[in-house]
Amino acid sequence: MKYPIGIQSFDRIVEDGYVYVDKTDLIYSLTHESSIYFLSRPRRFGKSLLVSTLKNYYLGRKELFKGLKIERMEQAWDVYPVFHLDFNGSNFAEADALQKRLHGYVAGWEADYGLASEPDRLDLGGRFQRVLEAAHKQTGRRAVVLVDEYDKPILDVLDVDPVLEEHHRNVLKAFYSVFKVADEHLQFVLLTGVTKFSQVSVFSGFNQPDDISMDARYETLCGITQEELRHYFAEPIRDMAAVYRCTEEEMAQRLKEKYDGYHFSEKLTDVYNPFSLLNAFAKKNLRDYWFSSGTPTYLIRLLSHFRENINELTGKYYRPEEFIDYKADVERPLPMIYQSGYLTIKDYDMDFNTFLLDFPNNEVKSGFLTMLASSYLQSSEDTGGWVRDVVRTLRAGDVDRLGTLFTSFLSGIPYTMRRKDDEVERERYFQYTFYLILRLISVYTVYVEKVQSHGRVDCVLETPQYVYIFEFKLDGTADEALRQIEEKGYAREYASDARTLYKIGASFSSQTGTIEDWKTV
């Protein structure tokens, strides 16, 4: 089986025999329901392949769709003039990059339709309008416009160059306003991207497109469903099971925990990350492919402004307007975190029309928290090496060395990071620090602030041989922490557990920023 990793061209996938997950029935419905759409999906989720498939469909290339679902649905296979704008591949931090890209597209189209280029008399939008009109008149069919990663010119400069950011908004707004005045010449329009800039909209120059980002009909338009996984990839699952020396069902479960978990509507249909899944099959290895392919720099920049901690955002219910619409406010990055794919819908409360947001899967949770820990804590310790040392120590049951490792890591955090002006902020910093550290150790089962019948224990960490119960005290003593474990009965549910149980009390000093006292029973 050939896997189309990094290949976004539908015709190349079909012609060269790569595996293609058939979405063409949804594409047929999409093209016959409405005319102007917007779709938001995380990066590397198949948006460019969707655009390429639509392009070939509207070019009437029937031979490419042989054997696919749409072959039985489409009868006419009419050929339309298609205008494809792809904003991938350019660095829009350069002042004139956007204008050059747009001018290149429009000038090429003018040449295709025999139009004189008149940049002195018409702006780019006006020239594009003339092209659409000419295409309609010359072919007798209305035009199709496909815009891939429409928001990249804005994201490249977001929170870096406010002047250029505003300039790009205005340029795109003027360009896209063509869709309003040229409506009679348009058959179909699709804009894809990661984010939806609604309040300072690049779309406000024309009628708002039909946003299908959370439309239950099209929630599986990109990505791979559980049914598709079983249908198309039974053989690679079997091959990976042999490599990992487990059953096919166990392998499927590992893949699910690692790469599944995305939901894009209240229907909560499971969607796998296609980039990670295909890479895992090709390399027969469960790694963090999507996350390691590059964290968006704009997201890291936005999070540096953010006053709330990620543990205060996850596992909560939100109204749609709180995470769908991006309002260009660096103090509210939740929509950007959600739309970028680092959080997803996990539940829907119909009575209140609210959605539970949390990490989609283990790949994203582990990668995102590692990134946050490195950015937030800024320890002089090598985070990856430290985590490996901790895991080995937990595996060996060496609680004394565990205390040493925690102390050294915390000691490496700059004073400026841990300096907090009031008691509430010191408490938040303390809690968040341990939240991030313990979440980093995700190779084992970790429960942070685990709710029990007698209270909420700070952390329970389980390995195949050991159970570690942690209680942390800010500016207290290790004895106080151990006493709380006993008085609250945090260890009771493990009374019949055959594993060795360790109860660990630790005190954290807000003055020194590290462990002052560490005791184990």
Protein backbone atom coordinates (compact mmCIF):
# COMPACT_ATOMS: atom_id res chain seq x y z
CA MET A 1 0.00 0.00 0.00
CA LYS A 2 1.33 3.44 -0.97
CA TYR A 3 0.63 6.28 1.47
CA PRO A 4 0.25 9.83 0.10
CA ILE A 5 2.30 11.53 2.83
CA GLY A 6 2.82 15.17 1.90
CA ILE A 7 1.00 14.67 -1.42
CA GLN A 8 -1.92 17.07 -1.78
CA SER A 9 -2.68 16.57 -5.46
CA PHE A 10 -5.75 14.41 -6.08
CA ASP A 11 -4.76 13.57 -9.67
CA ARG A 12 -1.28 12.43 -8.58
CA ILE A 13 -2.73 10.23 -5.81
CA VAL A 14 -5.09 8.52 -8.27
CA GLU A 15 -2.66 8.25 -11.20
CA ASP A 16 0.25 6.98 -9.09
CA GLY A 17 -1.80 4.45 -7.15
CA TYR A 18 -1.72 5.92 -3.65
CA VAL A 19 -4.45 4.99 -1.18
CA TYR A 20 -7.35 7.46 -1.33
CA VAL A 21 -10.08 7.58 1.30
CA ASP A 22 -13.18 8.23 -0.77
CA LYS A 23 -14.97 11.43 0.30
CA THR A 24 -16.51 12.13 -3.08
CA ASP A 25 -20.11 11.52 -1.98
CA LEU A 26 -19.69 14.41 0.49
CA ILE A 27 -18.06 16.50 -2.23
CA TYR A 28 -21.04 15.90 -4.51
CA SER A 29 -23.43 17.01 -1.77
CA LEU A 30 -21.29 20.06 -1.03
CA THR A 31 -21.25 21.20 -4.64
CA HIS A 32 -25.01 20.81 -5.00
CA GLU A 33 -26.18 22.35 -1.70
CA SER A 34 -24.92 25.94 -1.81
CA SER A 35 -22.36 28.08 -3.58
CA ILE A 36 -20.00 29.93 -1.15
CA TYR A 37 -18.42 27.98 1.72
CA PHE A 38 -15.83 28.39 4.45
CA LEU A 39 -14.13 25.41 6.13
CA SER A 40 -11.78 25.56 9.11
CA ARG A 41 -9.63 22.55 9.94
CA PRO A 42 -6.24 22.13 11.69
CA ARG A 43 -3.09 22.10 9.59
CA ARG A 44 -2.18 18.89 7.74
CA PHE A 45 -5.75 17.66 7.97
CA GLY A 46 -6.43 17.25 4.26
CA LYS A 47 -7.74 20.70 3.31
CA SER A 48 -5.39 21.01 0.31
CA LEU A 49 -6.37 17.54 -0.93
CA LEU A 50 -10.04 18.53 -0.65
CA VAL A 51 -9.37 21.65 -2.73
CA SER A 52 -7.46 19.62 -5.33
CA THR A 53 -10.30 17.07 -5.54
CA LEU A 54 -12.83 19.85 -6.09
CA LYS A 55 -10.59 21.41 -8.73
CA ASN A 56 -10.40 18.16 -10.73
CA TYR A 57 -14.13 17.58 -10.33
CA TYR A 58 -15.01 21.01 -11.72
CA LEU A 59 -12.50 20.53 -14.56
CA GLY A 60 -14.66 17.56 -15.55
CA ARG A 61 -11.85 14.99 -15.24
CA LYS A 62 -14.23 12.05 -15.02
CA GLU A 63 -11.48 9.48 -15.61
CA LEU A 64 -9.87 10.33 -12.24
CA PHE A 65 -13.07 9.49 -10.36
CA LYS A 66 -13.55 6.02 -11.86
CA GLY A 67 -14.69 3.62 -9.13
CA LEU A 68 -15.35 6.35 -6.60
CA LYS A 69 -18.76 7.12 -5.10
CA ILE A 70 -19.28 10.28 -7.13
CA GLU A 71 -19.07 8.31 -10.40
CA ARG A 72 -22.53 6.89 -9.69
CA MET A 73 -23.92 10.30 -8.66
CA GLU A 74 -22.67 12.71 -11.30
CA GLN A 75 -24.05 12.49 -14.84
CA ALA A 76 -23.01 15.69 -16.59
CA TRP A 77 -19.29 16.17 -15.76
CA ASP A 78 -19.41 19.72 -17.07
CA VAL A 79 -16.17 21.68 -17.36
CA TYR A 80 -15.99 24.99 -15.48
CA PRO A 81 -13.34 27.72 -15.39
CA VAL A 82 -11.46 27.10 -12.11
CA PHE A 83 -9.39 29.70 -10.24
CA HIS A 84 -7.20 28.19 -7.54
CA LEU A 85 -5.39 30.41 -5.01
CA ASP A 86 -2.95 28.64 -2.69
CA PHE A 87 -1.27 30.73 0.03
CA ASN A 88 1.00 27.91 1.19
CA GLY A 89 4.69 28.27 0.51
CA SER A 90 5.17 32.03 0.87
CA ASN A 91 6.59 34.00 3.78
CA PHE A 92 4.09 36.79 4.24
CA ALA A 93 6.25 38.50 6.87
CA GLU A 94 7.87 40.20 3.85
CA ALA A 95 6.10 43.49 3.24
CA ASP A 96 5.09 43.03 -0.41
CA ALA A 97 4.78 39.22 -0.52
CA LEU A 98 0.97 39.19 -0.49
CA GLN A 99 0.58 41.74 -3.30
CA LYS A 100 3.16 39.87 -5.39
CA ARG A 101 1.35 36.56 -4.88
CA LEU A 102 -2.04 38.02 -5.81
CA HIS A 103 -0.62 39.95 -8.77
CA GLY A 104 1.00 36.76 -10.06
CA TYR A 105 -2.29 34.90 -9.96
CA VAL A 106 -4.34 37.68 -11.56
CA ALA A 107 -1.77 38.46 -14.26
CA GLY A 108 -1.67 34.78 -15.26
CA TRP A 109 -5.45 34.60 -15.47
CA GLU A 110 -5.59 37.82 -17.50
CA ALA A 111 -3.22 36.25 -20.00
CA ASP A 112 -5.31 33.05 -20.12
CA TYR A 113 -8.44 35.02 -21.08
CA GLY A 114 -6.77 37.57 -23.37
CA LEU A 115 -7.23 40.56 -21.07
CA ALA A 116 -4.87 43.52 -20.95
CA SER A 117 -3.37 44.00 -17.49
CA GLU A 118 -4.25 47.49 -16.22
CA PRO A 119 -2.75 47.82 -12.70
CA ASP A 120 -2.74 51.63 -12.97
CA ARG A 121 -6.48 51.80 -13.63
CA LEU A 122 -7.79 48.86 -11.56
CA ASP A 123 -6.85 47.37 -8.21
CA LEU A 124 -6.31 43.62 -7.85
CA GLY A 125 -9.95 43.04 -6.93
CA GLY A 126 -11.17 44.94 -9.96
CA ARG A 127 -8.86 43.01 -12.24
CA PHE A 128 -10.01 39.71 -10.75
CA GLN A 129 -13.62 40.73 -11.28
CA ARG A 130 -12.90 41.33 -14.97
CA VAL A 131 -11.28 37.88 -15.19
CA LEU A 132 -14.33 36.16 -13.66
CA GLU A 133 -16.65 38.00 -16.03
CA ALA A 134 -14.50 37.12 -19.05
CA ALA A 135 -14.30 33.48 -18.02
CA HIS A 136 -18.09 33.31 -17.75
CA LYS A 137 -18.63 34.92 -21.15
CA GLN A 138 -15.94 32.93 -22.98
CA THR A 139 -16.82 29.49 -21.59
CA GLY A 140 -20.54 29.93 -21.05
CA ARG A 141 -20.16 28.64 -17.50
CA ARG A 142 -19.82 30.44 -14.21
CA ALA A 143 -16.45 30.37 -12.44
CA VAL A 144 -15.25 28.23 -9.54
CA VAL A 145 -12.90 29.86 -7.00
CA LEU A 146 -10.91 27.71 -4.54
CA VAL A 147 -8.80 29.46 -1.88
CA ASP A 148 -6.44 27.26 0.15
CA GLU A 149 -5.14 28.55 3.54
CA TYR A 150 -6.76 31.95 3.08
CA ASP A 151 -5.56 33.08 6.54
CA LYS A 152 -1.82 32.39 6.18
CA PRO A 153 -0.96 36.00 5.21
CA ILE A 154 -2.49 37.11 8.53
CA LEU A 155 -1.17 34.28 10.71
CA ASP A 156 2.40 34.81 9.50
CA VAL A 157 2.47 38.31 11.02
CA LEU A 158 -0.05 37.91 13.85
CA ASP A 159 1.28 39.55 17.02
CA VAL A 160 4.56 40.32 15.24
CA ASP A 161 3.84 43.24 12.93
CA PRO A 162 0.47 44.89 13.69
CA VAL A 163 0.84 47.34 10.80
CA LEU A 164 1.50 44.61 8.23
CA GLU A 165 -1.21 42.44 9.80
CA GLU A 166 -3.79 45.20 9.32
CA HIS A 167 -2.49 45.83 5.80
CA HIS A 168 -2.94 42.16 4.89
CA ARG A 169 -6.46 42.20 6.26
CA ASN A 170 -7.36 45.20 4.13
CA VAL A 171 -5.76 43.73 1.00
CA LEU A 172 -7.60 40.42 1.41
CA LYS A 173 -10.86 42.13 2.34
CA ALA A 174 -10.73 44.21 -0.84
CA PHE A 175 -9.78 41.20 -2.94
CA TYR A 176 -12.53 38.94 -1.54
CA SER A 177 -15.13 41.71 -1.96
CA VAL A 178 -15.11 40.63 -5.60
CA PHE A 179 -17.28 37.68 -4.61
CA LYS A 180 -20.12 40.08 -3.88
CA VAL A 181 -20.00 42.17 -7.04
CA ALA A 182 -19.23 39.16 -9.27
CA ASP A 183 -21.92 36.92 -7.80
CA GLU A 184 -23.61 36.37 -11.17
CA HIS A 185 -20.35 34.95 -12.55
CA LEU A 186 -19.71 32.47 -9.70
CA GLN A 187 -20.77 28.83 -9.60
CA PHE A 188 -18.91 27.73 -6.45
CA VAL A 189 -16.49 29.25 -3.92
CA LEU A 190 -14.60 27.52 -1.10
CA LEU A 191 -12.18 29.17 1.30
CA THR A 192 -10.21 26.95 3.66
CA GLY A 193 -7.99 27.85 6.58
CA VAL A 194 -7.16 27.18 10.19
CA THR A 195 -8.89 30.16 11.76
CA LYS A 196 -12.08 32.11 11.33
CA PHE A 197 -11.46 35.84 11.64
CA SER A 198 -15.02 37.00 12.15
CA GLN A 199 -15.11 40.30 13.98
CA VAL A 200 -12.36 41.99 11.97
CA SER A 201 -13.38 39.97 9.00
CA VAL A 202 -11.65 39.65 5.68
CA PHE A 203 -15.05 38.39 4.56
CA SER A 204 -17.05 41.50 5.44
CA GLY A 205 -16.74 42.85 1.91
CA PHE A 206 -19.13 40.16 0.64
CA ASN A 207 -21.98 38.03 1.86
CA GLN A 208 -20.79 35.81 4.71
CA PRO A 209 -19.91 32.36 3.35
CA ASP A 210 -21.69 29.30 4.66
CA ASP A 211 -19.40 28.18 7.49
CA ILE A 212 -19.43 24.36 7.45
CA SER A 213 -16.64 23.97 10.04
CA MET A 214 -19.13 22.58 12.59
CA ASP A 215 -21.79 21.38 10.17
CA ALA A 216 -22.68 17.79 11.09
CA ARG A 217 -23.23 16.94 7.42
CA TYR A 218 -19.58 17.67 6.59
CA GLU A 219 -17.76 16.89 9.84
CA THR A 220 -15.87 14.00 8.19
CA LEU A 221 -15.02 15.87 4.97
CA CYS A 222 -11.38 15.91 6.13
CA GLY A 223 -9.70 13.27 8.30
CA ILE A 224 -10.33 9.54 8.65
CA THR A 225 -13.28 7.99 10.50
CA GLN A 226 -13.29 4.74 12.47
CA GLU A 227 -15.27 3.05 9.69
CA GLU A 228 -12.82 4.29 7.05
CA LEU A 229 -9.89 3.09 9.14
CA ARG A 230 -11.29 -0.44 9.25
CA HIS A 231 -12.28 -0.43 5.57
CA TYR A 232 -9.10 0.96 4.01
CA PHE A 233 -6.36 0.08 6.49
CA ALA A 234 -7.03 -3.43 7.80
CA GLU A 235 -3.77 -4.68 6.26
CA PRO A 236 -1.44 -2.03 7.76
CA ILE A 237 -3.11 -2.48 11.17
CA ARG A 238 -2.31 -6.19 10.91
CA ASP A 239 1.28 -5.41 9.90
CA MET A 240 1.76 -3.01 12.81
CA ALA A 241 0.28 -5.54 15.23
CA ALA A 242 3.00 -7.96 14.19
CA VAL A 243 5.69 -5.32 14.77
CA TYR A 244 4.30 -4.43 18.21
CA ARG A 245 3.63 -8.09 19.08
CA CYS A 246 0.00 -7.52 19.97
CA THR A 247 -3.40 -8.44 18.59
CA GLU A 248 -5.02 -6.44 15.81
CA GLU A 249 -7.64 -5.18 18.26
CA GLU A 250 -4.93 -4.02 20.67
CA MET A 251 -3.13 -2.27 17.81
CA ALA A 252 -6.34 -0.55 16.73
CA GLN A 253 -6.85 0.66 20.29
CA ARG A 254 -3.31 2.06 20.45
CA LEU A 255 -3.88 3.93 17.20
CA LYS A 256 -7.16 5.27 18.54
CA GLU A 257 -5.62 6.59 21.76
CA LYS A 258 -2.72 8.15 19.88
CA TYR A 259 -4.37 9.73 16.83
CA ASP A 260 -8.19 9.66 17.14
CA GLY A 261 -10.45 11.87 19.20
CA TYR A 262 -11.25 14.84 16.96
CA HIS A 263 -14.89 15.89 16.75
CA PHE A 264 -16.19 18.72 14.59
CA SER A 265 -19.90 18.83 15.44
CA GLU A 266 -22.42 17.88 18.09
CA LYS A 267 -22.73 14.43 16.43
CA LEU A 268 -19.31 13.61 17.92
CA THR A 269 -18.20 11.36 15.07
CA ASP A 270 -14.64 10.21 15.79
CA VAL A 271 -12.08 11.57 13.32
CA TYR A 272 -8.42 10.50 13.17
CA ASN A 273 -5.60 12.86 12.28
CA PRO A 274 -4.78 11.67 8.73
CA PHE A 275 -1.18 12.95 8.68
CA SER A 276 -0.15 11.06 11.81
CA LEU A 277 -2.10 7.93 10.89
CA LEU A 278 -0.57 7.61 7.40
CA ASN A 279 2.92 8.26 8.77
CA ALA A 280 2.42 5.60 11.45
CA PHE A 281 1.36 3.04 8.84
CA ALA A 282 4.21 3.92 6.47
CA LYS A 283 6.89 3.77 9.17
CA LYS A 284 5.17 1.11 11.33
CA ASN A 285 5.89 3.24 14.36
CA LEU A 286 3.71 5.16 16.82
CA ARG A 287 5.30 8.59 17.01
CA ASP A 288 4.12 12.19 17.36
CA TYR A 289 4.16 12.93 13.63
CA TRP A 290 1.65 15.78 13.47
CA PHE A 291 2.96 17.65 16.46
CA SER A 292 6.62 17.26 15.54
CA SER A 293 5.89 18.55 12.02
CA GLY A 294 5.80 22.06 13.43
CA THR A 295 3.96 24.00 16.12
CA PRO A 296 2.46 27.21 14.74
CA THR A 297 4.63 30.10 15.87
CA TYR A 298 1.58 32.37 16.09
CA LEU A 299 0.09 30.12 18.78
CA ILE A 300 3.25 30.23 20.91
CA ARG A 301 3.30 34.02 20.57
CA LEU A 302 -0.34 34.31 21.62
CA LEU A 303 0.08 32.02 24.62
CA SER A 304 2.89 34.21 25.93
CA HIS A 305 0.26 36.94 26.55
CA PHE A 306 -2.26 34.63 28.10
CA ARG A 307 -3.00 35.03 31.81
CA GLU A 308 -5.00 31.83 32.28
CA ASN A 309 -3.33 28.43 32.51
CA ILE A 310 -4.14 25.57 30.15
CA ASN A 311 -5.46 23.46 33.03
CA GLU A 312 -8.01 26.23 33.63
CA LEU A 313 -9.19 25.96 30.00
CA THR A 314 -9.43 22.21 29.39
CA GLY A 315 -12.26 19.99 30.55
CA LYS A 316 -14.81 22.84 30.59
CA TYR A 317 -18.04 23.52 28.69
CA TYR A 318 -18.21 26.56 26.41
CA ARG A 319 -20.82 28.29 24.31
CA PRO A 320 -20.04 28.11 20.57
CA GLU A 321 -19.27 31.82 20.31
CA GLU A 322 -16.55 31.44 22.95
CA PHE A 323 -14.34 29.17 20.84
CA ILE A 324 -15.51 29.42 17.23
CA ASP A 325 -15.08 33.10 16.44
CA TYR A 326 -11.65 34.63 16.68
CA LYS A 327 -11.80 38.27 17.71
CA ALA A 328 -8.11 39.16 17.35
CA ASP A 329 -7.74 39.48 21.11
CA VAL A 330 -4.44 38.09 22.38
CA GLU A 331 -5.96 37.82 25.85
CA ARG A 332 -8.46 35.23 24.54
CA PRO A 333 -6.55 32.57 22.58
CA LEU A 334 -9.10 29.78 23.17
CA PRO A 335 -10.54 29.98 19.62
CA MET A 336 -7.03 29.79 18.17
CA ILE A 337 -6.12 26.79 20.34
CA TYR A 338 -9.33 25.00 19.31
CA GLN A 339 -9.17 25.84 15.60
CA SER A 340 -5.48 24.94 15.43
CA GLY A 341 -6.39 21.41 16.57
CA TYR A 342 -4.89 21.36 20.06
CA LEU A 343 -8.32 21.15 21.69
CA THR A 344 -11.43 19.53 20.29
CA ILE A 345 -15.07 18.85 21.17
CA LYS A 346 -15.47 15.97 23.60
CA ASP A 347 -19.14 16.29 24.58
CA TYR A 348 -22.24 18.33 23.74
CA ASP A 349 -24.91 19.52 26.17
CA MET A 350 -28.04 20.05 24.08
CA ASP A 351 -29.98 21.72 26.89
CA PHE A 352 -27.49 24.55 27.22
CA ASN A 353 -25.94 24.38 23.72
CA THR A 354 -22.47 24.10 25.23
CA PHE A 355 -19.47 22.02 24.18
CA LEU A 356 -16.85 20.30 26.33
CA LEU A 357 -13.34 21.06 25.07
CA ASP A 358 -10.26 18.95 25.83
CA PHE A 359 -7.18 17.47 24.17
CA PRO A 360 -8.16 15.19 21.26
CA ASN A 361 -5.63 12.41 21.88
CA ASN A 362 -2.35 11.41 23.53
CA GLU A 363 -0.17 12.75 20.71
CA VAL A 364 -1.57 16.25 21.00
CA LYS A 365 -1.77 16.28 24.81
CA SER A 366 1.82 15.15 25.24
CA GLY A 367 3.25 17.45 22.58
CA PHE A 368 1.28 20.51 23.56
CA LEU A 369 2.07 20.21 27.26
CA THR A 370 5.75 19.62 26.53
CA MET A 371 5.78 22.78 24.44
CA LEU A 372 3.98 24.72 27.16
CA ALA A 373 6.26 23.40 29.89
CA SER A 374 9.37 24.42 27.97
CA SER A 375 7.93 27.86 27.20
CA TYR A 376 6.34 28.51 30.61
CA LEU A 377 8.88 26.99 33.00
CA GLN A 378 12.06 27.79 31.00
CA SER A 379 14.08 25.41 33.15
CA SER A 380 17.82 25.13 32.49
CA GLU A 381 17.30 21.35 32.52
CA ASP A 382 16.83 19.53 29.21
CA THR A 383 13.11 18.77 29.45
CA GLY A 384 13.18 15.64 27.31
CA GLY A 385 16.21 14.19 29.11
CA TRP A 386 14.72 15.03 32.50
CA VAL A 387 11.45 13.28 31.65
CA ARG A 388 13.35 10.16 30.58
CA ASP A 389 15.27 10.19 33.88
CA VAL A 390 12.01 10.53 35.83
CA VAL A 391 10.38 7.66 33.92
CA ARG A 392 13.35 5.39 34.57
CA THR A 393 13.28 6.37 38.24
CA LEU A 394 9.55 5.66 38.52
CA ARG A 395 10.09 2.33 36.83
CA ALA A 396 12.72 1.46 39.45
CA GLY A 397 10.64 2.69 42.41
CA ASP A 398 13.48 4.99 43.56
CA VAL A 399 11.50 7.67 45.44
CA ASP A 400 14.56 9.39 46.89
CA ARG A 401 16.06 9.99 43.46
CA LEU A 402 12.62 11.13 42.30
CA GLY A 403 12.73 13.91 44.90
CA THR A 404 16.21 14.90 43.73
CA LEU A 405 15.05 15.11 40.11
CA PHE A 406 12.05 17.29 40.99
CA THR A 407 14.24 19.59 43.07
CA SER A 408 16.87 20.04 40.34
CA PHE A 409 14.29 20.74 37.64
CA LEU A 410 12.48 23.34 39.75
CA SER A 411 15.78 24.96 40.75
CA GLY A 412 16.50 25.55 37.08
CA ILE A 413 13.44 27.75 36.55
CA PRO A 414 14.41 31.46 36.35
CA TYR A 415 13.39 33.62 39.29
CA THR A 416 11.54 35.97 36.94
CA MET A 417 9.19 33.14 35.94
CA ARG A 418 8.20 32.20 39.49
CA ARG A 419 8.09 35.69 40.99
CA LYS A 420 4.45 36.44 41.82
CA ASP A 421 3.15 39.51 43.61
CA ASP A 422 0.34 38.09 45.69
CA GLU A 423 -0.62 34.89 47.44
CA VAL A 424 -3.29 33.89 44.92
CA GLU A 425 -0.87 34.18 41.99
CA ARG A 426 1.82 32.27 43.90
CA GLU A 427 -0.70 29.49 44.50
CA ARG A 428 -1.68 29.43 40.81
CA TYR A 429 1.95 29.31 39.71
CA PHE A 430 2.66 26.48 42.15
CA GLN A 431 -0.34 24.44 41.00
CA TYR A 432 0.32 25.04 37.30
CA THR A 433 4.00 24.18 37.63
CA PHE A 434 3.23 20.77 39.07
CA TYR A 435 0.36 20.26 36.64
CA LEU A 436 2.72 20.74 33.68
CA ILE A 437 5.53 18.66 35.18
CA LEU A 438 3.28 15.72 36.00
CA ARG A 439 1.49 15.89 32.64
CA LEU A 440 4.88 15.60 30.96
CA ILE A 441 5.25 12.13 32.44
CA SER A 442 2.49 10.79 30.21
CA VAL A 443 4.15 7.46 29.47
CA TYR A 444 2.41 6.22 32.62
CA THR A 445 -1.13 6.74 33.88
CA VAL A 446 -1.21 10.12 35.63
CA TYR A 447 -4.23 11.55 37.44
CA VAL A 448 -3.84 15.22 38.33
CA GLU A 449 -6.23 16.48 41.03
CA LYS A 450 -7.98 13.11 41.03
CA VAL A 451 -11.42 13.28 42.63
CA GLN A 452 -12.08 10.62 45.25
CA SER A 453 -14.93 10.11 47.70
CA HIS A 454 -12.93 11.78 50.47
CA GLY A 455 -11.48 14.69 48.54
CA ARG A 456 -9.23 15.68 45.65
CA VAL A 457 -5.71 14.25 45.70
CA ASP A 458 -3.03 16.36 43.99
CA CYS A 459 -1.64 13.54 41.88
CA VAL A 460 -1.76 9.76 41.52
CA LEU A 461 0.75 8.15 39.18
CA GLU A 462 0.47 4.47 38.27
CA THR A 463 3.07 2.18 36.69
CA PRO A 464 2.80 -1.58 36.19
CA GLN A 465 4.73 -2.19 39.47
CA TYR A 466 4.08 0.92 41.56
CA VAL A 467 1.42 3.43 42.61
CA TYR A 468 2.64 6.89 43.68
CA ILE A 469 0.30 9.21 45.60
CA PHE A 470 1.56 12.81 45.74
CA GLU A 471 0.37 15.67 47.93
CA PHE A 472 2.09 19.03 47.53
CA LYS A 473 2.06 21.95 49.97
CA LEU A 474 3.00 25.52 49.16
CA ASP A 475 5.13 26.98 51.99
CA GLY A 476 4.06 24.10 54.24
CA THR A 477 5.74 20.90 55.33
CA ALA A 478 6.04 17.39 53.95
CA ASP A 479 4.54 16.06 57.19
CA GLU A 480 1.41 18.17 56.63
CA ALA A 481 1.10 16.74 53.12
CA LEU A 482 1.48 13.15 54.36
CA ARG A 483 -1.02 13.77 57.13
CA GLN A 484 -3.59 14.94 54.55
CA ILE A 485 -3.06 11.75 52.51
CA GLU A 486 -3.80 9.69 55.64
CA GLU A 487 -6.69 11.78 56.97
CA LYS A 488 -8.43 11.97 53.60
CA GLY A 489 -7.88 8.28 52.90
CA TYR A 490 -6.41 8.85 49.44
CA ALA A 491 -4.79 5.38 49.48
CA ARG A 492 -7.93 3.40 50.33
CA GLU A 493 -8.92 2.55 46.78
CA TYR A 494 -5.52 0.86 46.33
CA ALA A 495 -5.81 -1.27 49.48
CA SER A 496 -6.28 -4.49 47.50
CA ASP A 497 -3.87 -3.49 44.72
CA ALA A 498 -0.90 -5.86 44.40
CA ARG A 499 1.45 -3.06 43.34
CA THR A 500 3.84 -1.35 45.76
CA LEU A 501 2.28 1.89 47.07
CA TYR A 502 4.27 5.02 47.88
CA LYS A 503 2.78 8.06 49.61
CA ILE A 504 4.84 11.18 48.96
CA GLY A 505 4.52 14.48 50.77
CA ALA A 506 6.40 17.47 49.38
CA SER A 507 6.58 21.14 50.29
CA PHE A 508 7.30 23.83 47.73
CA SER A 509 8.86 27.15 48.71
CA SER A 510 7.55 30.29 47.01
CA GLN A 511 10.82 31.98 47.98
CA THR A 512 13.32 29.51 46.53
CA GLY A 513 10.97 28.13 43.87
CA THR A 514 11.87 24.51 44.53
CA ILE A 515 11.28 21.54 46.86
CA GLU A 516 12.09 22.32 50.48
CA ASP A 517 10.96 19.08 52.07
CA TRP A 518 10.28 15.61 50.59
CA LYS A 519 9.14 12.60 52.59
CA THR A 520 7.90 9.15 51.66
CA VAL A 521 6.03 6.41 53.47
